[in-house]
Amino acid sequence: MIATAQATAEVFWTAFRALRKKEKQAVIEKLLGDEEFMEDLIDLAIIEKRRKEPSRSLDEYLMDRGRKKA
């Protein structure tokens, strides 16, 4: 499944790179105008930014969250 997704992504990326500048801009504008896509993009950016942070258990998170509310 991952290999198929990667292959599909490669096809789209190759097609995108072959577009002229105005066509690329039109595609990007279309993507940026899609609310669901933008939410996904923001989520991915946050995940990437925080990738090196140490993980913690759900119990630890909930305890910390409870302390901040009090």
PDB file of N, CA and C in Angstrom:
ATOM      1  N   MET A   1       0.829  -1.198   0.000  1.00  0.00           N
ATOM      2  CA  MET A   1       0.000   0.000   0.000  1.00  0.00           C
ATOM      3  C   MET A   1       0.869   1.256   0.000  1.00  0.00           C
ATOM      4  N   ILE A   2       1.914   1.284   0.842  1.00  0.00           N
ATOM      5  CA  ILE A   2       2.801   2.444   0.882  1.00  0.00           C
ATOM      6  C   ILE A   2       3.515   2.612  -0.451  1.00  0.00           C
ATOM      7  N   ALA A   3       3.946   1.508  -1.040  1.00  0.00           N
ATOM      8  CA  ALA A   3       4.637   1.592  -2.330  1.00  0.00           C
ATOM      9  C   ALA A   3       3.714   2.165  -3.391  1.00  0.00           C
ATOM     10  N   THR A   4       2.443   1.767  -3.369  1.00  0.00           N
ATOM     11  CA  THR A   4       1.473   2.292  -4.329  1.00  0.00           C
ATOM     12  C   THR A   4       1.274   3.785  -4.115  1.00  0.00           C
ATOM     13  N   ALA A   5       1.154   4.202  -2.866  1.00  0.00           N
ATOM     14  CA  ALA A   5       0.981   5.623  -2.559  1.00  0.00           C
ATOM     15  C   ALA A   5       2.199   6.409  -3.005  1.00  0.00           C
ATOM     16  N   GLN A   6       3.379   5.886  -2.783  1.00  0.00           N
ATOM     17  CA  GLN A   6       4.607   6.569  -3.192  1.00  0.00           C
ATOM     18  C   GLN A   6       4.688   6.666  -4.716  1.00  0.00           C
ATOM     19  N   ALA A   7       4.296   5.608  -5.400  1.00  0.00           N
ATOM     20  CA  ALA A   7       4.324   5.623  -6.864  1.00  0.00           C
ATOM     21  C   ALA A   7       3.335   6.644  -7.413  1.00  0.00           C
ATOM     22  N   THR A   8       2.148   6.695  -6.825  1.00  0.00           N
ATOM     23  CA  THR A   8       1.147   7.680  -7.239  1.00  0.00           C
ATOM     24  C   THR A   8       1.646   9.090  -6.988  1.00  0.00           C
ATOM     25  N   ALA A   9       2.228   9.308  -5.825  1.00  0.00           N
ATOM     26  CA  ALA A   9       2.776  10.624  -5.500  1.00  0.00           C
ATOM     27  C   ALA A   9       3.860  11.016  -6.497  1.00  0.00           C
ATOM     28  N   GLU A  10       4.683  10.082  -6.867  1.00  0.00           N
ATOM     29  CA  GLU A  10       5.755  10.362  -7.828  1.00  0.00           C
ATOM     30  C   GLU A  10       5.191  10.770  -9.185  1.00  0.00           C
ATOM     31  N   VAL A  11       4.128  10.109  -9.625  1.00  0.00           N
ATOM     32  CA  VAL A  11       3.494  10.456 -10.896  1.00  0.00           C
ATOM     33  C   VAL A  11       2.952  11.884 -10.840  1.00  0.00           C
ATOM     34  N   PHE A  12       2.246  12.213  -9.765  1.00  0.00           N
ATOM     35  CA  PHE A  12       1.698  13.557  -9.631  1.00  0.00           C
ATOM     36  C   PHE A  12       2.812  14.598  -9.535  1.00  0.00           C
ATOM     37  N   TRP A  13       3.858  14.303  -8.792  1.00  0.00           N
ATOM     38  CA  TRP A  13       4.962  15.246  -8.635  1.00  0.00           C
ATOM     39  C   TRP A  13       5.657  15.486  -9.983  1.00  0.00           C
ATOM     40  N   THR A  14       5.870  14.422 -10.738  1.00  0.00           N
ATOM     41  CA  THR A  14       6.488  14.556 -12.056  1.00  0.00           C
ATOM     42  C   THR A  14       5.621  15.403 -12.973  1.00  0.00           C
ATOM     43  N   ALA A  15       4.312  15.167 -12.946  1.00  0.00           N
ATOM     44  CA  ALA A  15       3.390  15.948 -13.772  1.00  0.00           C
ATOM     45  C   ALA A  15       3.394  17.416 -13.344  1.00  0.00           C
ATOM     46  N   PHE A  16       3.402  17.658 -12.051  1.00  0.00           N
ATOM     47  CA  PHE A  16       3.418  19.033 -11.543  1.00  0.00           C
ATOM     48  C   PHE A  16       4.675  19.761 -11.999  1.00  0.00           C
ATOM     49  N   ARG A  17       5.807  19.101 -11.883  1.00  0.00           N
ATOM     50  CA  ARG A  17       7.077  19.733 -12.253  1.00  0.00           C
ATOM     51  C   ARG A  17       7.150  20.025 -13.747  1.00  0.00           C
ATOM     52  N   ALA A  18       6.385  19.301 -14.546  1.00  0.00           N
ATOM     53  CA  ALA A  18       6.392  19.514 -15.993  1.00  0.00           C
ATOM     54  C   ALA A  18       5.514  20.695 -16.407  1.00  0.00           C
ATOM     55  N   LEU A  19       4.703  21.210 -15.505  1.00  0.00           N
ATOM     56  CA  LEU A  19       3.816  22.322 -15.837  1.00  0.00           C
ATOM     57  C   LEU A  19       4.603  23.615 -16.021  1.00  0.00           C
ATOM     58  N   ARG A  20       4.004  24.522 -16.786  1.00  0.00           N
ATOM     59  CA  ARG A  20       4.572  25.865 -16.891  1.00  0.00           C
ATOM     60  C   ARG A  20       4.280  26.619 -15.591  1.00  0.00           C
ATOM     61  N   LYS A  21       4.993  27.728 -15.391  1.00  0.00           N
ATOM     62  CA  LYS A  21       4.895  28.474 -14.136  1.00  0.00           C
ATOM     63  C   LYS A  21       3.453  28.872 -13.819  1.00  0.00           C
ATOM     64  N   LYS A  22       2.720  29.418 -14.779  1.00  0.00           N
ATOM     65  CA  LYS A  22       1.338  29.840 -14.528  1.00  0.00           C
ATOM     66  C   LYS A  22       0.449  28.655 -14.164  1.00  0.00           C
ATOM     67  N   GLU A  23       0.688  27.512 -14.788  1.00  0.00           N
ATOM     68  CA  GLU A  23      -0.084  26.310 -14.474  1.00  0.00           C
ATOM     69  C   GLU A  23       0.222  25.825 -13.064  1.00  0.00           C
ATOM     70  N   LYS A  24       1.495  25.894 -12.676  1.00  0.00           N
ATOM     71  CA  LYS A  24       1.875  25.516 -11.309  1.00  0.00           C
ATOM     72  C   LYS A  24       1.182  26.435 -10.310  1.00  0.00           C
ATOM     73  N   GLN A  25       1.198  27.735 -10.601  1.00  0.00           N
ATOM     74  CA  GLN A  25       0.546  28.694  -9.708  1.00  0.00           C
ATOM     75  C   GLN A  25      -0.942  28.393  -9.571  1.00  0.00           C
ATOM     76  N   ALA A  26      -1.583  28.025 -10.670  1.00  0.00           N
ATOM     77  CA  ALA A  26      -3.011  27.709 -10.630  1.00  0.00           C
ATOM     78  C   ALA A  26      -3.272  26.482  -9.752  1.00  0.00           C
ATOM     79  N   VAL A  27      -2.429  25.483  -9.858  1.00  0.00           N
ATOM     80  CA  VAL A  27      -2.583  24.274  -9.035  1.00  0.00           C
ATOM     81  C   VAL A  27      -2.391  24.627  -7.562  1.00  0.00           C
ATOM     82  N   ILE A  28      -1.362  25.397  -7.266  1.00  0.00           N
ATOM     83  CA  ILE A  28      -1.086  25.783  -5.876  1.00  0.00           C
ATOM     84  C   ILE A  28      -2.238  26.609  -5.306  1.00  0.00           C
ATOM     85  N   GLU A  29      -2.750  27.539  -6.086  1.00  0.00           N
ATOM     86  CA  GLU A  29      -3.891  28.340  -5.632  1.00  0.00           C
ATOM     87  C   GLU A  29      -5.093  27.454  -5.338  1.00  0.00           C
ATOM     88  N   LYS A  30      -5.307  26.457  -6.171  1.00  0.00           N
ATOM     89  CA  LYS A  30      -6.419  25.525  -5.961  1.00  0.00           C
ATOM     90  C   LYS A  30      -6.224  24.764  -4.643  1.00  0.00           C
ATOM     91  N   LEU A  31      -5.008  24.301  -4.403  1.00  0.00           N
ATOM     92  CA  LEU A  31      -4.719  23.572  -3.166  1.00  0.00           C
ATOM     93  C   LEU A  31      -4.906  24.470  -1.939  1.00  0.00           C
ATOM     94  N   LEU A  32      -4.378  25.688  -2.011  1.00  0.00           N
ATOM     95  CA  LEU A  32      -4.463  26.595  -0.874  1.00  0.00           C
ATOM     96  C   LEU A  32      -5.895  27.050  -0.599  1.00  0.00           C
ATOM     97  N   GLY A  33      -6.736  26.967  -1.599  1.00  0.00           N
ATOM     98  CA  GLY A  33      -8.138  27.336  -1.433  1.00  0.00           C
ATOM     99  C   GLY A  33      -8.996  26.220  -0.869  1.00  0.00           C
ATOM    100  N   ASP A  34      -8.421  25.039  -0.718  1.00  0.00           N
ATOM    101  CA  ASP A  34      -9.155  23.878  -0.211  1.00  0.00           C
ATOM    102  C   ASP A  34      -8.960  23.787   1.300  1.00  0.00           C
ATOM    103  N   GLU A  35     -10.019  24.053   2.053  1.00  0.00           N
ATOM    104  CA  GLU A  35      -9.930  24.113   3.516  1.00  0.00           C
ATOM    105  C   GLU A  35      -9.431  22.806   4.131  1.00  0.00           C
ATOM    106  N   GLU A  36      -9.945  21.687   3.662  1.00  0.00           N
ATOM    107  CA  GLU A  36      -9.530  20.387   4.219  1.00  0.00           C
ATOM    108  C   GLU A  36      -8.054  20.125   3.941  1.00  0.00           C
ATOM    109  N   PHE A  37      -7.609  20.452   2.727  1.00  0.00           N
ATOM    110  CA  PHE A  37      -6.191  20.286   2.391  1.00  0.00           C
ATOM    111  C   PHE A  37      -5.316  21.142   3.304  1.00  0.00           C
ATOM    112  N   MET A  38      -5.726  22.387   3.529  1.00  0.00           N
ATOM    113  CA  MET A  38      -4.943  23.280   4.363  1.00  0.00           C
ATOM    114  C   MET A  38      -4.855  22.766   5.799  1.00  0.00           C
ATOM    115  N   GLU A  39      -5.948  22.220   6.315  1.00  0.00           N
ATOM    116  CA  GLU A  39      -5.916  21.640   7.660  1.00  0.00           C
ATOM    117  C   GLU A  39      -4.925  20.481   7.719  1.00  0.00           C
ATOM    118  N   ASP A  40      -4.960  19.630   6.692  1.00  0.00           N
ATOM    119  CA  ASP A  40      -4.026  18.502   6.631  1.00  0.00           C
ATOM    120  C   ASP A  40      -2.583  18.997   6.536  1.00  0.00           C
ATOM    121  N   LEU A  41      -2.354  20.020   5.739  1.00  0.00           N
ATOM    122  CA  LEU A  41      -1.011  20.567   5.566  1.00  0.00           C
ATOM    123  C   LEU A  41      -0.486  21.143   6.881  1.00  0.00           C
ATOM    124  N   ILE A  42      -1.333  21.850   7.604  1.00  0.00           N
ATOM    125  CA  ILE A  42      -0.934  22.406   8.908  1.00  0.00           C
ATOM    126  C   ILE A  42      -0.622  21.282   9.887  1.00  0.00           C
ATOM    127  N   ASP A  43      -1.473  20.248   9.911  1.00  0.00           N
ATOM    128  CA  ASP A  43      -1.216  19.099  10.790  1.00  0.00           C
ATOM    129  C   ASP A  43       0.135  18.466  10.474  1.00  0.00           C
ATOM    130  N   LEU A  44       0.426  18.274   9.193  1.00  0.00           N
ATOM    131  CA  LEU A  44       1.700  17.666   8.798  1.00  0.00           C
ATOM    132  C   LEU A  44       2.887  18.541   9.187  1.00  0.00           C
ATOM    133  N   ALA A  45       2.732  19.849   9.053  1.00  0.00           N
ATOM    134  CA  ALA A  45       3.811  20.760   9.431  1.00  0.00           C
ATOM    135  C   ALA A  45       4.077  20.685  10.937  1.00  0.00           C
ATOM    136  N   ILE A  46       3.011  20.617  11.735  1.00  0.00           N
ATOM    137  CA  ILE A  46       3.164  20.516  13.189  1.00  0.00           C
ATOM    138  C   ILE A  46       3.828  19.200  13.561  1.00  0.00           C
ATOM    139  N   ILE A  47       3.396  18.118  12.936  1.00  0.00           N
ATOM    140  CA  ILE A  47       3.991  16.805  13.207  1.00  0.00           C
ATOM    141  C   ILE A  47       5.476  16.824  12.885  1.00  0.00           C
ATOM    142  N   GLU A  48       5.829  17.386  11.728  1.00  0.00           N
ATOM    143  CA  GLU A  48       7.237  17.434  11.331  1.00  0.00           C
ATOM    144  C   GLU A  48       8.054  18.290  12.297  1.00  0.00           C
ATOM    145  N   LYS A  49       7.500  19.419  12.706  1.00  0.00           N
ATOM    146  CA  LYS A  49       8.197  20.314  13.624  1.00  0.00           C
ATOM    147  C   LYS A  49       8.445  19.646  14.971  1.00  0.00           C
ATOM    148  N   ARG A  50       7.500  18.818  15.411  1.00  0.00           N
ATOM    149  CA  ARG A  50       7.593  18.226  16.746  1.00  0.00           C
ATOM    150  C   ARG A  50       8.136  16.792  16.727  1.00  0.00           C
ATOM    151  N   ARG A  51       8.569  16.327  15.560  1.00  0.00           N
ATOM    152  CA  ARG A  51       9.011  14.937  15.387  1.00  0.00           C
ATOM    153  C   ARG A  51      10.102  14.523  16.378  1.00  0.00           C
ATOM    154  N   LYS A  52      11.009  15.405  16.709  1.00  0.00           N
ATOM    155  CA  LYS A  52      12.138  15.051  17.575  1.00  0.00           C
ATOM    156  C   LYS A  52      11.833  15.196  19.061  1.00  0.00           C
ATOM    157  N   GLU A  53      10.650  15.682  19.381  1.00  0.00           N
ATOM    158  CA  GLU A  53      10.281  15.802  20.790  1.00  0.00           C
ATOM    159  C   GLU A  53      10.066  14.416  21.386  1.00  0.00           C
ATOM    160  N   PRO A  54      10.407  14.253  22.644  1.00  0.00           N
ATOM    161  CA  PRO A  54      10.181  12.941  23.271  1.00  0.00           C
ATOM    162  C   PRO A  54       8.679  12.660  23.394  1.00  0.00           C
ATOM    163  N   SER A  55       8.345  11.412  23.253  1.00  0.00           N
ATOM    164  CA  SER A  55       6.936  11.040  23.395  1.00  0.00           C
ATOM    165  C   SER A  55       6.618  10.853  24.876  1.00  0.00           C
ATOM    166  N   ARG A  56       5.322  10.860  25.187  1.00  0.00           N
ATOM    167  CA  ARG A  56       4.893  10.613  26.561  1.00  0.00           C
ATOM    168  C   ARG A  56       3.567   9.865  26.523  1.00  0.00           C
ATOM    169  N   SER A  57       3.269   9.214  27.611  1.00  0.00           N
ATOM    170  CA  SER A  57       2.070   8.388  27.673  1.00  0.00           C
ATOM    171  C   SER A  57       0.823   9.265  27.764  1.00  0.00           C
ATOM    172  N   LEU A  58      -0.306   8.702  27.408  1.00  0.00           N
ATOM    173  CA  LEU A  58      -1.570   9.420  27.517  1.00  0.00           C
ATOM    174  C   LEU A  58      -1.838   9.795  28.969  1.00  0.00           C
ATOM    175  N   ASP A  59      -1.554   8.887  29.900  1.00  0.00           N
ATOM    176  CA  ASP A  59      -1.763   9.179  31.326  1.00  0.00           C
ATOM    177  C   ASP A  59      -0.943  10.394  31.768  1.00  0.00           C
ATOM    178  N   GLU A  60       0.304  10.456  31.337  1.00  0.00           N
ATOM    179  CA  GLU A  60       1.167  11.594  31.680  1.00  0.00           C
ATOM    180  C   GLU A  60       0.596  12.889  31.099  1.00  0.00           C
ATOM    181  N   TYR A  61       0.159  12.843  29.862  1.00  0.00           N
ATOM    182  CA  TYR A  61      -0.438  14.016  29.223  1.00  0.00           C
ATOM    183  C   TYR A  61      -1.675  14.483  29.985  1.00  0.00           C
ATOM    184  N   LEU A  62      -2.552  13.549  30.339  1.00  0.00           N
ATOM    185  CA  LEU A  62      -3.787  13.896  31.037  1.00  0.00           C
ATOM    186  C   LEU A  62      -3.504  14.487  32.411  1.00  0.00           C
ATOM    187  N   MET A  63      -2.498  13.933  33.111  1.00  0.00           N
ATOM    188  CA  MET A  63      -2.131  14.478  34.419  1.00  0.00           C
ATOM    189  C   MET A  63      -1.625  15.906  34.263  1.00  0.00           C
ATOM    190  N   ASP A  64      -0.773  16.138  33.266  1.00  0.00           N
ATOM    191  CA  ASP A  64      -0.223  17.466  33.037  1.00  0.00           C
ATOM    192  C   ASP A  64      -1.334  18.441  32.641  1.00  0.00           C
ATOM    193  N   ARG A  65      -2.217  17.997  31.832  1.00  0.00           N
ATOM    194  CA  ARG A  65      -3.342  18.835  31.384  1.00  0.00           C
ATOM    195  C   ARG A  65      -4.232  19.204  32.571  1.00  0.00           C
ATOM    196  N   GLY A  66      -4.486  18.238  33.459  1.00  0.00           N
ATOM    197  CA  GLY A  66      -5.293  18.485  34.649  1.00  0.00           C
ATOM    198  C   GLY A  66      -4.666  19.514  35.556  1.00  0.00           C
ATOM    199  N   ARG A  67      -3.351  19.487  35.681  1.00  0.00           N
ATOM    200  CA  ARG A  67      -2.646  20.463  36.519  1.00  0.00           C
ATOM    201  C   ARG A  67      -2.744  21.863  35.945  1.00  0.00           C
ATOM    202  N   LYS A  68      -2.730  21.995  34.640  1.00  0.00           N
ATOM    203  CA  LYS A  68      -2.782  23.307  33.999  1.00  0.00           C
ATOM    204  C   LYS A  68      -4.154  23.933  34.126  1.00  0.00           C
ATOM    205  N   LYS A  69      -5.218  23.119  34.207  1.00  0.00           N
ATOM    206  CA  LYS A  69      -6.571  23.640  34.340  1.00  0.00           C
ATOM    207  C   LYS A  69      -6.840  24.184  35.744  1.00  0.00           C
ATOM    208  N   ALA A  70      -6.175  23.603  36.742  1.00  0.00           N
ATOM    209  CA  ALA A  70      -6.440  23.982  38.131  1.00  0.00           C
ATOM    210  C   ALA A  70      -5.865  25.313  38.509  1.00  0.00           C
TER     211      ALA A  70
END
